[in-house]
């Protein structure tokens, strides 16, 4: 096989491939074995038609497409290795010649990673780290813990307030007609949770037990059900029950209930230490994000749409996996949020483009600065993962190797080392340092 390539546009190359007649012949043999098992010829059982009779009846050309389908995946992969072209999208294949006794010739137009023109990436100014815990942050964390451990008390009377958990019946109407999915009985709704259509929960506030009320809301323009998007709806609502959170007192008993400490002061001391640790980590992450984004903003890159689309799809799959861990799926999310897949992808697109840009810039910096991940780095990472997952290093290495993920781990290590390089060569912004 011979393969040559040329650049035909900024992020597009054309690979010309020629495959020898011997490989063509082998592909035709495989295609015949595949096709002959499915054809009916009088006087012969399926799969037993002689090659000569098959070709006389159907023509050798009837095998060409199957033979091409058999050949293409392997020879295209070989062509990529030979030309060292790294694609970021599926190729556009144009078959130029395929016939028995002749070389197979095809052209593949391939979208590739763009060239990256770096700007200044050393001496970038970033904010100073901040791990000091304020009294407001301590109070906010204690409030959050109180809310989490609050007891729900059923009220005998009174009006619903933000934060209450209510039980309601509801039925929605658009233009006087009930619509599918707009009815519920005994539905538990926490006011302020933003799980219903915007404006609905606020209008339940103030209702009393046994009250009936017509609540008018407008569906978002991006609502997943097109027949409801942007429409004015009227929900007939009955309030059955109000449960209010009874917050526990902040005392020694509370400390015993939520921690291993005997006194509130001991618990608060530990809480401050953990908040400081978390704030330090968040500060480091913010510094990393700042230095990478500033380096990326200084670069000039023409990013192919295919790379952004691919990253958006990855983000969507990751989001779906996280929803499943919470007992939800995308369809449920679309119903609650009023979005559809197109709207969600559009929402993710900006972050996807930023991720692609950042990674391309980091890769280029690593290349210029000679930043690599060797066996020692990989072994250290395996040791860390072994502790994290409570599995042996050999077992993890075998799993990653089987899944083809060892190279991905090395790439991730290079990116992390490159971010550290940027941080080590950055400086604290003057206004923050003062």
Foldseek 3Di string as FASTA:
>chain_A
DDWDKDADDQQKIKIKDKADLVLLVVLLVVLCQVPQQPDDDPPDDRSGDDPVVCCVVPNSVVSFVSSCVVPPVVRVVVNCVVHVFDALDDWDKDWDDHDRPGITIIMTMGGGFGDKFWFDQFAAADADADLADDPVNLVVVVVVLQLVPWDWDWDPKDWDDQQKWWFKWKFKDFPRHTDPPRTDHRDIDHQPPLQAAPPVSVVSTGDMAFDWDWGWDQQDLQAPPNVRRRTIMIMIMHTHIIIHTDGDDQWQVSCVVPHVDRTSVVSSVVVSVVSSVVSRVVRVVRRLVVSLLVRLVRMDTDGDPSQLVVLLVVVQVVVQVVQVVVVHGPVSVSNRVRHDPVVSSVVCSVVSVSVVSSLVSLVVLCVVVVQFQDPVNLQVVLVVVCVVVVHDSVVVVVVCVVVVNSVVVRSVVSSVVSSVVSVVRYHHDPVNVD
